[in-house]
Amino acid sequence: MRAMALSQPGTRLEPVERPDPSPGPGEVRITIAACGVCRTDLHVVDGELPDPKRPIVPGHEIVGVVDALGAGVETLRIGQRVGVGWLGRSCQHCPYCLSGRENLCDTPDFTGYTRDGGFASHTIADARFAYPLPETGSDAATAPLLCAGLIGWRSLVMAGEGRRLGIYGFGAAGHIILQVARWQGREVYVFTRAGDTTSQDFARSLGAVWAGSSEELPPEPLDAAILYAPVGALVPAALRAVRKGGRVVCAGIHMSDIPSFPYRWLWEERQILSVANLTRADATEFLALAPEVGIATHVTTYPLERANDALDDLRAGRLEGAAVLIP
C-alpha cells in the first residue's frame, strides 16, 4: 500500500510504501477511493493535538470499497461501498458509551490520530464504525460528508431550532451546513475573515441572507451561532451577535484561547457549548438525510502524493469548500 505518513508533528508528510494490511477480528480492509482533508488533520500535523500515534497516516473522511473481511464480520460484504469518519472505535462499556454518548468514550480510537487513516491507498477499519454508503454520488463529493458533514450536523442540532443562524468560518463544514440550514427554512448569516470577499460571495451563492466580516455585527440578532473557525476571539464576538437565550456552539476539536470578556455579554441566559466528536447515530441520521437535502459539496482534488499541498492550501485559506485526496 501507498501512504503519506507523519513521523513527527510539525514536519511534512512523507510518502511510504508498506505491505497491504490484513484485517483482524471485527475489522475490514478498505481500498480507498477518496479521502477528505479536514482542519483536524491540520491540528494533528501541526502538533496542536497531543500524542498522536507515531508514525501516523492522517485522514478521517474516507470513502472506499471493502476488499477483505476479518473474522466475525457479518454486517459488511466484499465490494461494498463504505465511509469511515473520525470516531474509529469506542469501548462500548464505559458510562458514556452505555448512556448513548460514545462520542465521549473514555478509551476511544480516532481515525488518522490514534489509528492510521485515509491518506493512503488502503486502510483498516473497525467494521462497526464503517458506514454503508449508496452507490450514487462521486467519491470525492461524498468524502467531506464523513466529518465536515457529520460534525457540522451535530453542531447544527446542538444549536437548536432557531430561525436565524450564524456561521463563523466558511470552509468545508460551513458550506455543507449552510445548505442543510437553508433546506430547513432558516436564515443563515456567514462571518469570514475581514476582506475575504471570495468566501462571502460563495456563501451568498449558496443562499446566505448576509455575509460579512467576523468583526461586524449581523443586521439582526441571531438565535444561535456555530463556530467552525478555530479562533477563540470569535466566542465573545458571537456572544455579542446572539439574542437573549441564544447559543454559541464551538464545533472544532481545537481552538486558540478564548479572551476574557464582560459578563454582560454572556448574561441573559446565553450559552456556550462545545461539540466533541460524533456518534454512530449522528452518522446514520445525517447520511440518510444528505440525499434528501441534495447537498452539493464543492471540492478541490489532489493526488495522494500532494497531500502536503492540500494541507498548505487549507492552512492558508486558499480553498473554496473542501480538499480531497484521490489515491
C-alpha atoms as a PDB file:
ATOM      1  CA  MET A   1       0.000   0.000   0.000  1.00  0.00           C
ATOM      2  CA  ARG A   2       0.968   3.632  -0.530  1.00  0.00           C
ATOM      3  CA  ALA A   3       0.510   6.250   2.179  1.00  0.00           C
ATOM      4  CA  MET A   4       1.503   9.731   3.297  1.00  0.00           C
ATOM      5  CA  ALA A   5       2.722   9.449   6.880  1.00  0.00           C
ATOM      6  CA  LEU A   6       3.631  11.875   9.653  1.00  0.00           C
ATOM      7  CA  SER A   7       6.688  10.832  11.641  1.00  0.00           C
ATOM      8  CA  GLN A   8       6.895  13.906  13.877  1.00  0.00           C
ATOM      9  CA  PRO A   9       4.299  16.656  14.493  1.00  0.00           C
ATOM     10  CA  GLY A  10       5.315  19.921  12.888  1.00  0.00           C
ATOM     11  CA  THR A  11       7.012  18.242   9.929  1.00  0.00           C
ATOM     12  CA  ARG A  12       5.918  17.421   6.385  1.00  0.00           C
ATOM     13  CA  LEU A  13       4.156  14.199   5.477  1.00  0.00           C
ATOM     14  CA  GLU A  14       6.396  11.654   3.793  1.00  0.00           C
ATOM     15  CA  PRO A  15       5.443   9.077   1.125  1.00  0.00           C
ATOM     16  CA  VAL A  16       5.818   5.500   2.347  1.00  0.00           C
ATOM     17  CA  GLU A  17       5.312   2.019   0.885  1.00  0.00           C
ATOM     18  CA  ARG A  18       4.043  -0.713   3.193  1.00  0.00           C
ATOM     19  CA  PRO A  19       2.690  -4.242   2.778  1.00  0.00           C
ATOM     20  CA  ASP A  20      -1.072  -4.312   2.371  1.00  0.00           C
ATOM     21  CA  PRO A  21      -2.530  -4.604   5.896  1.00  0.00           C
ATOM     22  CA  SER A  22      -4.678  -7.546   6.965  1.00  0.00           C
ATOM     23  CA  PRO A  23      -7.882  -7.008   8.963  1.00  0.00           C
ATOM     24  CA  GLY A  24      -8.112  -8.505  12.430  1.00  0.00           C
ATOM     25  CA  PRO A  25     -11.246  -9.883  14.075  1.00  0.00           C
ATOM     26  CA  GLY A  26     -14.139  -7.470  13.664  1.00  0.00           C
ATOM     27  CA  GLU A  27     -12.237  -5.360  11.133  1.00  0.00           C
ATOM     28  CA  VAL A  28     -12.363  -4.744   7.394  1.00  0.00           C
ATOM     29  CA  ARG A  29      -9.775  -3.617   4.875  1.00  0.00           C
ATOM     30  CA  ILE A  30     -10.842  -0.812   2.574  1.00  0.00           C
ATOM     31  CA  THR A  31      -9.463   0.177  -0.801  1.00  0.00           C
ATOM     32  CA  ILE A  32      -9.666   3.959  -0.587  1.00  0.00           C
ATOM     33  CA  ALA A  33     -11.256   5.894  -3.443  1.00  0.00           C
ATOM     34  CA  ALA A  34     -11.148   9.352  -1.822  1.00  0.00           C
ATOM     35  CA  CYS A  35     -10.237  10.959   1.500  1.00  0.00           C
ATOM     36  CA  GLY A  36     -11.165  14.478   2.518  1.00  0.00           C
ATOM     37  CA  VAL A  37      -8.641  16.800   4.145  1.00  0.00           C
ATOM     38  CA  CYS A  38     -10.065  18.211   7.365  1.00  0.00           C
ATOM     39  CA  ARG A  39      -8.897  21.009   9.647  1.00  0.00           C
ATOM     40  CA  THR A  40      -8.450  18.355  12.333  1.00  0.00           C
ATOM     41  CA  ASP A  41      -5.773  16.806  10.104  1.00  0.00           C
ATOM     42  CA  LEU A  42      -4.003  20.164  10.282  1.00  0.00           C
ATOM     43  CA  HIS A  43      -4.223  20.118  14.076  1.00  0.00           C
ATOM     44  CA  VAL A  44      -2.621  16.646  14.075  1.00  0.00           C
ATOM     45  CA  VAL A  45       0.106  17.540  11.589  1.00  0.00           C
ATOM     46  CA  ASP A  46       0.893  20.896  13.212  1.00  0.00           C
ATOM     47  CA  GLY A  47       1.146  19.374  16.688  1.00  0.00           C
ATOM     48  CA  GLU A  48      -1.883  21.120  18.162  1.00  0.00           C
ATOM     49  CA  LEU A  49      -3.420  17.792  19.214  1.00  0.00           C
ATOM     50  CA  PRO A  50      -1.175  15.931  21.675  1.00  0.00           C
ATOM     51  CA  ASP A  51       0.338  12.470  21.433  1.00  0.00           C
ATOM     52  CA  PRO A  52      -0.729  11.101  18.058  1.00  0.00           C
ATOM     53  CA  LYS A  53       0.297   7.583  17.106  1.00  0.00           C
ATOM     54  CA  ARG A  54       3.769   7.787  15.518  1.00  0.00           C
ATOM     55  CA  PRO A  55       4.179   7.434  12.662  1.00  0.00           C
ATOM     56  CA  ILE A  56       0.563   8.190  11.798  1.00  0.00           C
ATOM     57  CA  VAL A  57      -1.284   8.205   8.489  1.00  0.00           C
ATOM     58  CA  PRO A  58      -3.770  11.107   8.825  1.00  0.00           C
ATOM     59  CA  GLY A  59      -7.187  11.345   7.227  1.00  0.00           C
ATOM     60  CA  HIS A  60     -10.675  10.553   8.506  1.00  0.00           C
ATOM     61  CA  GLU A  61     -13.097  11.421   5.696  1.00  0.00           C
ATOM     62  CA  ILE A  62     -12.725   8.105   3.892  1.00  0.00           C
ATOM     63  CA  VAL A  63     -14.783   6.707   1.039  1.00  0.00           C
ATOM     64  CA  GLY A  64     -13.836   3.334  -0.371  1.00  0.00           C
ATOM     65  CA  VAL A  65     -14.732  -0.288  -1.010  1.00  0.00           C
ATOM     66  CA  VAL A  66     -14.382  -3.232   1.376  1.00  0.00           C
ATOM     67  CA  ASP A  67     -11.869  -5.666  -0.085  1.00  0.00           C
ATOM     68  CA  ALA A  68     -11.191  -8.002   2.876  1.00  0.00           C
ATOM     69  CA  LEU A  69     -13.145  -9.104   5.935  1.00  0.00           C
ATOM     70  CA  GLY A  70     -11.759 -10.018   9.334  1.00  0.00           C
ATOM     71  CA  ALA A  71     -13.105 -12.903  11.385  1.00  0.00           C
ATOM     72  CA  GLY A  72     -16.630 -12.396  12.666  1.00  0.00           C
ATOM     73  CA  VAL A  73     -17.650  -9.564  10.341  1.00  0.00           C
ATOM     74  CA  GLU A  74     -21.196 -10.182   9.131  1.00  0.00           C
ATOM     75  CA  THR A  75     -22.572  -6.661   8.699  1.00  0.00           C
ATOM     76  CA  LEU A  76     -20.484  -5.753   5.633  1.00  0.00           C
ATOM     77  CA  ARG A  77     -19.545  -7.581   2.446  1.00  0.00           C
ATOM     78  CA  ILE A  78     -16.660  -7.589  -0.006  1.00  0.00           C
ATOM     79  CA  GLY A  79     -17.224  -4.975  -2.702  1.00  0.00           C
ATOM     80  CA  GLN A  80     -19.485  -2.820  -0.535  1.00  0.00           C
ATOM     81  CA  ARG A  81     -19.022   0.965  -0.654  1.00  0.00           C
ATOM     82  CA  VAL A  82     -18.446   2.395   2.825  1.00  0.00           C
ATOM     83  CA  GLY A  83     -17.372   5.550   4.616  1.00  0.00           C
ATOM     84  CA  VAL A  84     -15.192   5.965   7.696  1.00  0.00           C
ATOM     85  CA  GLY A  85     -15.100   9.040   9.926  1.00  0.00           C
ATOM     86  CA  TRP A  86     -13.219  10.452  12.908  1.00  0.00           C
ATOM     87  CA  LEU A  87     -14.530   8.092  15.611  1.00  0.00           C
ATOM     88  CA  GLY A  88     -12.756   4.863  14.806  1.00  0.00           C
ATOM     89  CA  ARG A  89     -13.782   2.830  17.853  1.00  0.00           C
ATOM     90  CA  SER A  90     -15.469   3.233  21.223  1.00  0.00           C
ATOM     91  CA  CYS A  91     -15.207   0.846  24.157  1.00  0.00           C
ATOM     92  CA  GLN A  92     -18.964   0.160  24.482  1.00  0.00           C
ATOM     93  CA  HIS A  93     -18.735  -0.355  28.258  1.00  0.00           C
ATOM     94  CA  CYS A  94     -17.804   2.979  29.902  1.00  0.00           C
ATOM     95  CA  PRO A  95     -20.625   5.120  31.400  1.00  0.00           C
ATOM     96  CA  TYR A  96     -20.660   7.383  28.336  1.00  0.00           C
ATOM     97  CA  CYS A  97     -20.987   4.554  25.832  1.00  0.00           C
ATOM     98  CA  LEU A  98     -23.665   2.868  27.919  1.00  0.00           C
ATOM     99  CA  SER A  99     -25.692   6.099  28.029  1.00  0.00           C
ATOM    100  CA  GLY A 100     -25.613   6.655  24.260  1.00  0.00           C
ATOM    101  CA  ARG A 101     -22.761   9.179  24.347  1.00  0.00           C
ATOM    102  CA  GLU A 102     -19.979   7.186  22.730  1.00  0.00           C
ATOM    103  CA  ASN A 103     -18.552  10.466  21.388  1.00  0.00           C
ATOM    104  CA  LEU A 104     -17.314  10.991  24.983  1.00  0.00           C
ATOM    105  CA  CYS A 105     -15.926   7.450  25.395  1.00  0.00           C
ATOM    106  CA  ASP A 106     -13.156   7.151  27.981  1.00  0.00           C
ATOM    107  CA  THR A 107     -10.936   4.987  25.756  1.00  0.00           C
ATOM    108  CA  PRO A 108     -11.725   5.787  22.115  1.00  0.00           C
ATOM    109  CA  ASP A 109      -9.710   5.426  18.935  1.00  0.00           C
ATOM    110  CA  PHE A 110      -9.713   8.179  16.343  1.00  0.00           C
ATOM    111  CA  THR A 111      -9.090   7.621  12.654  1.00  0.00           C
ATOM    112  CA  GLY A 112      -5.964   9.401  11.454  1.00  0.00           C
ATOM    113  CA  TYR A 113      -4.884  10.254  15.016  1.00  0.00           C
ATOM    114  CA  THR A 114      -4.621   7.141  17.208  1.00  0.00           C
ATOM    115  CA  ARG A 115      -5.059   4.665  14.331  1.00  0.00           C
ATOM    116  CA  ASP A 116      -3.939   5.010  10.725  1.00  0.00           C
ATOM    117  CA  GLY A 117      -6.357   6.814   8.465  1.00  0.00           C
ATOM    118  CA  GLY A 118      -7.138   7.596   4.867  1.00  0.00           C
ATOM    119  CA  PHE A 119      -4.155   9.416   3.356  1.00  0.00           C
ATOM    120  CA  ALA A 120      -3.348   6.069   1.773  1.00  0.00           C
ATOM    121  CA  SER A 121      -4.394   3.532  -0.830  1.00  0.00           C
ATOM    122  CA  HIS A 122      -5.765   1.148   1.850  1.00  0.00           C
ATOM    123  CA  THR A 123      -6.817   1.298   5.480  1.00  0.00           C
ATOM    124  CA  ILE A 124      -8.139  -0.954   8.231  1.00  0.00           C
ATOM    125  CA  ALA A 125     -11.380  -0.019  10.000  1.00  0.00           C
ATOM    126  CA  ASP A 126     -13.496  -1.429  12.797  1.00  0.00           C
ATOM    127  CA  ALA A 127     -16.475  -2.847  10.886  1.00  0.00           C
ATOM    128  CA  ARG A 128     -18.895  -1.348  13.425  1.00  0.00           C
ATOM    129  CA  PHE A 129     -17.643   2.140  12.511  1.00  0.00           C
ATOM    130  CA  ALA A 130     -17.674   1.739   8.731  1.00  0.00           C
ATOM    131  CA  TYR A 131     -20.883   3.202   7.348  1.00  0.00           C
ATOM    132  CA  PRO A 132     -22.582   1.670   4.309  1.00  0.00           C
ATOM    133  CA  LEU A 133     -22.915   4.238   1.513  1.00  0.00           C
ATOM    134  CA  PRO A 134     -25.193   4.287  -1.519  1.00  0.00           C
ATOM    135  CA  GLU A 135     -23.587   3.710  -4.896  1.00  0.00           C
ATOM    136  CA  THR A 136     -24.709   7.138  -6.096  1.00  0.00           C
ATOM    137  CA  GLY A 137     -22.590  10.302  -5.924  1.00  0.00           C
ATOM    138  CA  SER A 138     -18.930  10.746  -6.695  1.00  0.00           C
ATOM    139  CA  ASP A 139     -16.364   9.553  -4.171  1.00  0.00           C
ATOM    140  CA  ALA A 140     -14.709  12.985  -3.982  1.00  0.00           C
ATOM    141  CA  ALA A 141     -18.001  14.792  -3.375  1.00  0.00           C
ATOM    142  CA  THR A 142     -19.046  12.277  -0.712  1.00  0.00           C
ATOM    143  CA  ALA A 143     -15.806  12.291   1.314  1.00  0.00           C
ATOM    144  CA  PRO A 144     -16.340  15.664   3.111  1.00  0.00           C
ATOM    145  CA  LEU A 145     -19.660  14.408   4.443  1.00  0.00           C
ATOM    146  CA  LEU A 146     -17.763  11.946   6.673  1.00  0.00           C
ATOM    147  CA  CYS A 147     -16.518  14.662   9.043  1.00  0.00           C
ATOM    148  CA  ALA A 148     -17.295  18.185   7.874  1.00  0.00           C
ATOM    149  CA  GLY A 149     -20.843  16.967   7.326  1.00  0.00           C
ATOM    150  CA  LEU A 150     -21.144  14.794  10.428  1.00  0.00           C
ATOM    151  CA  ILE A 151     -19.605  17.254  12.881  1.00  0.00           C
ATOM    152  CA  GLY A 152     -21.496  20.032  11.130  1.00  0.00           C
ATOM    153  CA  TRP A 153     -24.758  18.135  11.614  1.00  0.00           C
ATOM    154  CA  ARG A 154     -24.071  17.526  15.318  1.00  0.00           C
ATOM    155  CA  SER A 155     -23.269  21.214  15.801  1.00  0.00           C
ATOM    156  CA  LEU A 156     -26.437  22.252  13.956  1.00  0.00           C
ATOM    157  CA  VAL A 157     -28.569  20.022  16.192  1.00  0.00           C
ATOM    158  CA  MET A 158     -26.876  21.478  19.287  1.00  0.00           C
ATOM    159  CA  ALA A 159     -27.561  24.999  18.030  1.00  0.00           C
ATOM    160  CA  GLY A 160     -31.292  24.373  18.441  1.00  0.00           C
ATOM    161  CA  GLU A 161     -34.161  25.203  16.150  1.00  0.00           C
ATOM    162  CA  GLY A 162     -33.834  28.993  15.996  1.00  0.00           C
ATOM    163  CA  ARG A 163     -34.584  30.696  12.688  1.00  0.00           C
ATOM    164  CA  ARG A 164     -31.550  32.983  12.431  1.00  0.00           C
ATOM    165  CA  LEU A 165     -28.269  31.028  12.375  1.00  0.00           C
ATOM    166  CA  GLY A 166     -24.750  32.464  12.238  1.00  0.00           C
ATOM    167  CA  ILE A 167     -21.793  30.537  10.819  1.00  0.00           C
ATOM    168  CA  TYR A 168     -18.292  31.748  11.700  1.00  0.00           C
ATOM    169  CA  GLY A 169     -15.683  30.325   9.335  1.00  0.00           C
ATOM    170  CA  PHE A 170     -16.858  29.227   5.919  1.00  0.00           C
ATOM    171  CA  GLY A 171     -14.924  26.166   4.836  1.00  0.00           C
ATOM    172  CA  ALA A 172     -15.877  22.536   4.350  1.00  0.00           C
ATOM    173  CA  ALA A 173     -18.316  22.245   7.275  1.00  0.00           C
ATOM    174  CA  GLY A 174     -19.761  25.722   6.826  1.00  0.00           C
ATOM    175  CA  HIS A 175     -20.681  25.296   3.179  1.00  0.00           C
ATOM    176  CA  ILE A 176     -22.358  21.939   3.880  1.00  0.00           C
ATOM    177  CA  ILE A 177     -24.334  23.070   6.919  1.00  0.00           C
ATOM    178  CA  LEU A 178     -25.476  26.273   5.226  1.00  0.00           C
ATOM    179  CA  GLN A 179     -27.217  24.077   2.654  1.00  0.00           C
ATOM    180  CA  VAL A 180     -28.856  21.950   5.350  1.00  0.00           C
ATOM    181  CA  ALA A 181     -29.988  25.020   7.321  1.00  0.00           C
ATOM    182  CA  ARG A 182     -31.459  26.634   4.212  1.00  0.00           C
ATOM    183  CA  TRP A 183     -33.289  23.371   3.419  1.00  0.00           C
ATOM    184  CA  GLN A 184     -34.734  23.564   6.955  1.00  0.00           C
ATOM    185  CA  GLY A 185     -36.013  27.053   6.210  1.00  0.00           C
ATOM    186  CA  ARG A 186     -33.559  29.019   8.335  1.00  0.00           C
ATOM    187  CA  GLU A 187     -31.896  32.351   7.605  1.00  0.00           C
ATOM    188  CA  VAL A 188     -28.115  31.958   7.543  1.00  0.00           C
ATOM    189  CA  TYR A 189     -25.598  34.725   8.274  1.00  0.00           C
ATOM    190  CA  VAL A 190     -21.961  33.974   7.414  1.00  0.00           C
ATOM    191  CA  PHE A 191     -18.895  35.551   9.024  1.00  0.00           C
ATOM    192  CA  THR A 192     -15.433  35.325   7.451  1.00  0.00           C
ATOM    193  CA  ARG A 193     -12.042  36.926   7.863  1.00  0.00           C
ATOM    194  CA  ALA A 194     -12.082  40.626   7.069  1.00  0.00           C
ATOM    195  CA  GLY A 195     -11.663  41.210   3.347  1.00  0.00           C
ATOM    196  CA  ASP A 196     -12.440  37.625   2.321  1.00  0.00           C
ATOM    197  CA  THR A 197     -14.960  38.635  -0.312  1.00  0.00           C
ATOM    198  CA  THR A 198     -14.488  35.351  -2.192  1.00  0.00           C
ATOM    199  CA  SER A 199     -15.880  33.292   0.697  1.00  0.00           C
ATOM    200  CA  GLN A 200     -18.609  35.845   1.299  1.00  0.00           C
ATOM    201  CA  ASP A 201     -19.706  35.693  -2.341  1.00  0.00           C
ATOM    202  CA  PHE A 202     -19.594  31.883  -2.181  1.00  0.00           C
ATOM    203  CA  ALA A 203     -21.840  31.933   0.909  1.00  0.00           C
ATOM    204  CA  ARG A 204     -24.368  34.212  -0.786  1.00  0.00           C
ATOM    205  CA  SER A 205     -24.402  31.945  -3.836  1.00  0.00           C
ATOM    206  CA  LEU A 206     -25.486  29.075  -1.566  1.00  0.00           C
ATOM    207  CA  GLY A 207     -28.294  31.102  -0.024  1.00  0.00           C
ATOM    208  CA  ALA A 208     -26.839  33.097   2.870  1.00  0.00           C
ATOM    209  CA  VAL A 209     -29.025  36.153   3.516  1.00  0.00           C
ATOM    210  CA  TRP A 210     -25.978  38.105   4.717  1.00  0.00           C
ATOM    211  CA  ALA A 211     -22.199  37.597   4.623  1.00  0.00           C
ATOM    212  CA  GLY A 212     -19.582  39.851   6.150  1.00  0.00           C
ATOM    213  CA  SER A 213     -16.567  40.152   8.402  1.00  0.00           C
ATOM    214  CA  SER A 214     -16.399  38.420  11.773  1.00  0.00           C
ATOM    215  CA  GLU A 215     -15.585  41.863  13.166  1.00  0.00           C
ATOM    216  CA  GLU A 216     -19.110  43.031  12.255  1.00  0.00           C
ATOM    217  CA  LEU A 217     -22.444  42.508  13.963  1.00  0.00           C
ATOM    218  CA  PRO A 218     -25.205  40.978  11.832  1.00  0.00           C
ATOM    219  CA  PRO A 219     -28.123  43.147  10.766  1.00  0.00           C
ATOM    220  CA  GLU A 220     -30.442  41.126  13.049  1.00  0.00           C
ATOM    221  CA  PRO A 221     -29.734  39.371  16.374  1.00  0.00           C
ATOM    222  CA  LEU A 222     -29.039  35.658  15.879  1.00  0.00           C
ATOM    223  CA  ASP A 223     -30.825  32.786  17.588  1.00  0.00           C
ATOM    224  CA  ALA A 224     -27.617  30.752  17.514  1.00  0.00           C
ATOM    225  CA  ALA A 225     -24.112  30.801  16.096  1.00  0.00           C
ATOM    226  CA  ILE A 226     -21.770  27.953  15.178  1.00  0.00           C
ATOM    227  CA  LEU A 227     -18.002  28.493  15.198  1.00  0.00           C
ATOM    228  CA  TYR A 228     -16.067  26.396  12.696  1.00  0.00           C
ATOM    229  CA  ALA A 229     -13.026  28.679  12.682  1.00  0.00           C
ATOM    230  CA  PRO A 230     -10.633  27.639  15.498  1.00  0.00           C
ATOM    231  CA  VAL A 231     -10.263  31.197  16.781  1.00  0.00           C
ATOM    232  CA  GLY A 232     -11.078  31.771  20.448  1.00  0.00           C
ATOM    233  CA  ALA A 233     -11.636  35.501  19.923  1.00  0.00           C
ATOM    234  CA  LEU A 234     -14.755  34.631  17.923  1.00  0.00           C
ATOM    235  CA  VAL A 235     -16.527  33.344  21.054  1.00  0.00           C
ATOM    236  CA  PRO A 236     -17.127  36.797  22.582  1.00  0.00           C
ATOM    237  CA  ALA A 237     -17.826  38.167  19.098  1.00  0.00           C
ATOM    238  CA  ALA A 238     -20.543  35.553  18.604  1.00  0.00           C
ATOM    239  CA  LEU A 239     -21.980  36.165  22.081  1.00  0.00           C
ATOM    240  CA  ARG A 240     -22.480  39.793  21.124  1.00  0.00           C
ATOM    241  CA  ALA A 241     -24.283  38.694  17.961  1.00  0.00           C
ATOM    242  CA  VAL A 242     -26.829  36.332  19.559  1.00  0.00           C
ATOM    243  CA  ARG A 243     -30.079  37.369  21.220  1.00  0.00           C
ATOM    244  CA  LYS A 244     -31.057  36.750  24.834  1.00  0.00           C
ATOM    245  CA  GLY A 245     -31.170  32.994  25.413  1.00  0.00           C
ATOM    246  CA  GLY A 246     -29.066  32.393  22.289  1.00  0.00           C
ATOM    247  CA  ARG A 247     -26.448  29.680  21.876  1.00  0.00           C
ATOM    248  CA  VAL A 248     -22.846  29.786  20.688  1.00  0.00           C
ATOM    249  CA  VAL A 249     -21.624  26.336  19.592  1.00  0.00           C
ATOM    250  CA  CYS A 250     -17.876  25.744  19.289  1.00  0.00           C
ATOM    251  CA  ALA A 251     -17.584  22.962  16.735  1.00  0.00           C
ATOM    252  CA  GLY A 252     -13.836  22.385  16.493  1.00  0.00           C
ATOM    253  CA  ILE A 253     -11.642  19.897  18.325  1.00  0.00           C
ATOM    254  CA  HIS A 254      -9.024  22.605  18.910  1.00  0.00           C
ATOM    255  CA  MET A 255      -9.322  26.361  19.379  1.00  0.00           C
ATOM    256  CA  SER A 256      -6.987  29.158  20.389  1.00  0.00           C
ATOM    257  CA  ASP A 257      -7.543  30.601  23.862  1.00  0.00           C
ATOM    258  CA  ILE A 258     -10.772  32.482  24.475  1.00  0.00           C
ATOM    259  CA  PRO A 259     -10.007  36.026  25.654  1.00  0.00           C
ATOM    260  CA  SER A 260     -11.728  37.485  28.700  1.00  0.00           C
ATOM    261  CA  PHE A 261     -14.952  39.385  28.078  1.00  0.00           C
ATOM    262  CA  PRO A 262     -17.577  41.228  30.139  1.00  0.00           C
ATOM    263  CA  TYR A 263     -20.084  39.026  31.905  1.00  0.00           C
ATOM    264  CA  ARG A 264     -22.912  41.097  30.433  1.00  0.00           C
ATOM    265  CA  TRP A 265     -22.188  39.536  27.000  1.00  0.00           C
ATOM    266  CA  LEU A 266     -22.987  36.106  28.471  1.00  0.00           C
ATOM    267  CA  TRP A 267     -25.785  37.215  30.783  1.00  0.00           C
ATOM    268  CA  GLU A 268     -29.476  36.856  29.908  1.00  0.00           C
ATOM    269  CA  GLU A 269     -29.109  33.099  29.585  1.00  0.00           C
ATOM    270  CA  ARG A 270     -26.839  32.988  26.581  1.00  0.00           C
ATOM    271  CA  GLN A 271     -24.953  29.686  26.383  1.00  0.00           C
ATOM    272  CA  ILE A 272     -21.537  28.496  25.161  1.00  0.00           C
ATOM    273  CA  LEU A 273     -21.460  24.839  24.096  1.00  0.00           C
ATOM    274  CA  SER A 274     -18.779  22.593  22.606  1.00  0.00           C
ATOM    275  CA  VAL A 275     -19.045  19.675  20.206  1.00  0.00           C
ATOM    276  CA  ALA A 276     -16.914  16.611  20.901  1.00  0.00           C
ATOM    277  CA  ASN A 277     -16.508  14.030  18.143  1.00  0.00           C
ATOM    278  CA  LEU A 278     -19.665  12.246  16.943  1.00  0.00           C
ATOM    279  CA  THR A 279     -21.701   9.113  17.468  1.00  0.00           C
ATOM    280  CA  ARG A 280     -22.712   6.421  15.022  1.00  0.00           C
ATOM    281  CA  ALA A 281     -26.283   7.622  15.496  1.00  0.00           C
ATOM    282  CA  ASP A 282     -25.203  11.040  14.169  1.00  0.00           C
ATOM    283  CA  ALA A 283     -23.723   9.340  11.121  1.00  0.00           C
ATOM    284  CA  THR A 284     -26.783   7.206  10.436  1.00  0.00           C
ATOM    285  CA  GLU A 285     -29.095  10.207  10.754  1.00  0.00           C
ATOM    286  CA  PHE A 286     -27.054  12.613   8.645  1.00  0.00           C
ATOM    287  CA  LEU A 287     -26.056  10.201   5.875  1.00  0.00           C
ATOM    288  CA  ALA A 288     -29.722   9.302   5.417  1.00  0.00           C
ATOM    289  CA  LEU A 289     -30.670  12.992   5.315  1.00  0.00           C
ATOM    290  CA  ALA A 290     -27.955  14.187   2.913  1.00  0.00           C
ATOM    291  CA  PRO A 291     -29.527  12.836  -0.311  1.00  0.00           C
ATOM    292  CA  GLU A 292     -32.890  14.336   0.671  1.00  0.00           C
ATOM    293  CA  VAL A 293     -31.290  17.749   1.188  1.00  0.00           C
ATOM    294  CA  GLY A 294     -29.404  17.437  -2.093  1.00  0.00           C
ATOM    295  CA  ILE A 295     -26.112  18.662  -0.642  1.00  0.00           C
ATOM    296  CA  ALA A 296     -23.656  19.741  -3.312  1.00  0.00           C
ATOM    297  CA  THR A 297     -20.136  19.709  -1.884  1.00  0.00           C
ATOM    298  CA  HIS A 298     -17.564  21.941  -3.550  1.00  0.00           C
ATOM    299  CA  VAL A 299     -14.224  20.142  -3.671  1.00  0.00           C
ATOM    300  CA  THR A 300     -10.700  20.622  -4.948  1.00  0.00           C
ATOM    301  CA  THR A 301      -8.999  17.284  -5.631  1.00  0.00           C
ATOM    302  CA  TYR A 302      -5.309  16.416  -5.251  1.00  0.00           C
ATOM    303  CA  PRO A 303      -3.416  13.196  -5.947  1.00  0.00           C
ATOM    304  CA  LEU A 304      -2.365  11.396  -2.763  1.00  0.00           C
ATOM    305  CA  GLU A 305       1.270  12.429  -3.224  1.00  0.00           C
ATOM    306  CA  ARG A 306       0.254  16.114  -2.998  1.00  0.00           C
ATOM    307  CA  ALA A 307      -1.231  15.799   0.487  1.00  0.00           C
ATOM    308  CA  ASN A 308       1.186  18.445   1.788  1.00  0.00           C
ATOM    309  CA  ASP A 309      -0.039  20.889  -0.858  1.00  0.00           C
ATOM    310  CA  ALA A 310      -3.643  20.265   0.177  1.00  0.00           C
ATOM    311  CA  LEU A 311      -2.754  20.892   3.828  1.00  0.00           C
ATOM    312  CA  ASP A 312      -0.886  24.071   2.871  1.00  0.00           C
ATOM    313  CA  ASP A 313      -3.868  25.361   0.903  1.00  0.00           C
ATOM    314  CA  LEU A 314      -6.218  24.612   3.793  1.00  0.00           C
ATOM    315  CA  ARG A 315      -3.893  26.273   6.289  1.00  0.00           C
ATOM    316  CA  ALA A 316      -3.612  29.399   4.134  1.00  0.00           C
ATOM    317  CA  GLY A 317      -7.349  29.655   3.467  1.00  0.00           C
ATOM    318  CA  ARG A 318      -6.970  29.214  -0.290  1.00  0.00           C
ATOM    319  CA  LEU A 319      -9.796  26.663  -0.650  1.00  0.00           C
ATOM    320  CA  GLU A 320     -13.435  27.135  -1.562  1.00  0.00           C
ATOM    321  CA  GLY A 321     -15.248  24.263   0.096  1.00  0.00           C
ATOM    322  CA  ALA A 322     -13.161  21.164   0.821  1.00  0.00           C
ATOM    323  CA  ALA A 323      -9.914  19.487  -0.270  1.00  0.00           C
ATOM    324  CA  VAL A 324     -10.000  15.801  -1.189  1.00  0.00           C
ATOM    325  CA  LEU A 325      -7.132  13.374  -1.877  1.00  0.00           C
ATOM    326  CA  ILE A 326      -7.506  10.762  -4.623  1.00  0.00           C
ATOM    327  CA  PRO A 327      -5.092   7.810  -4.177  1.00  0.00           C
END
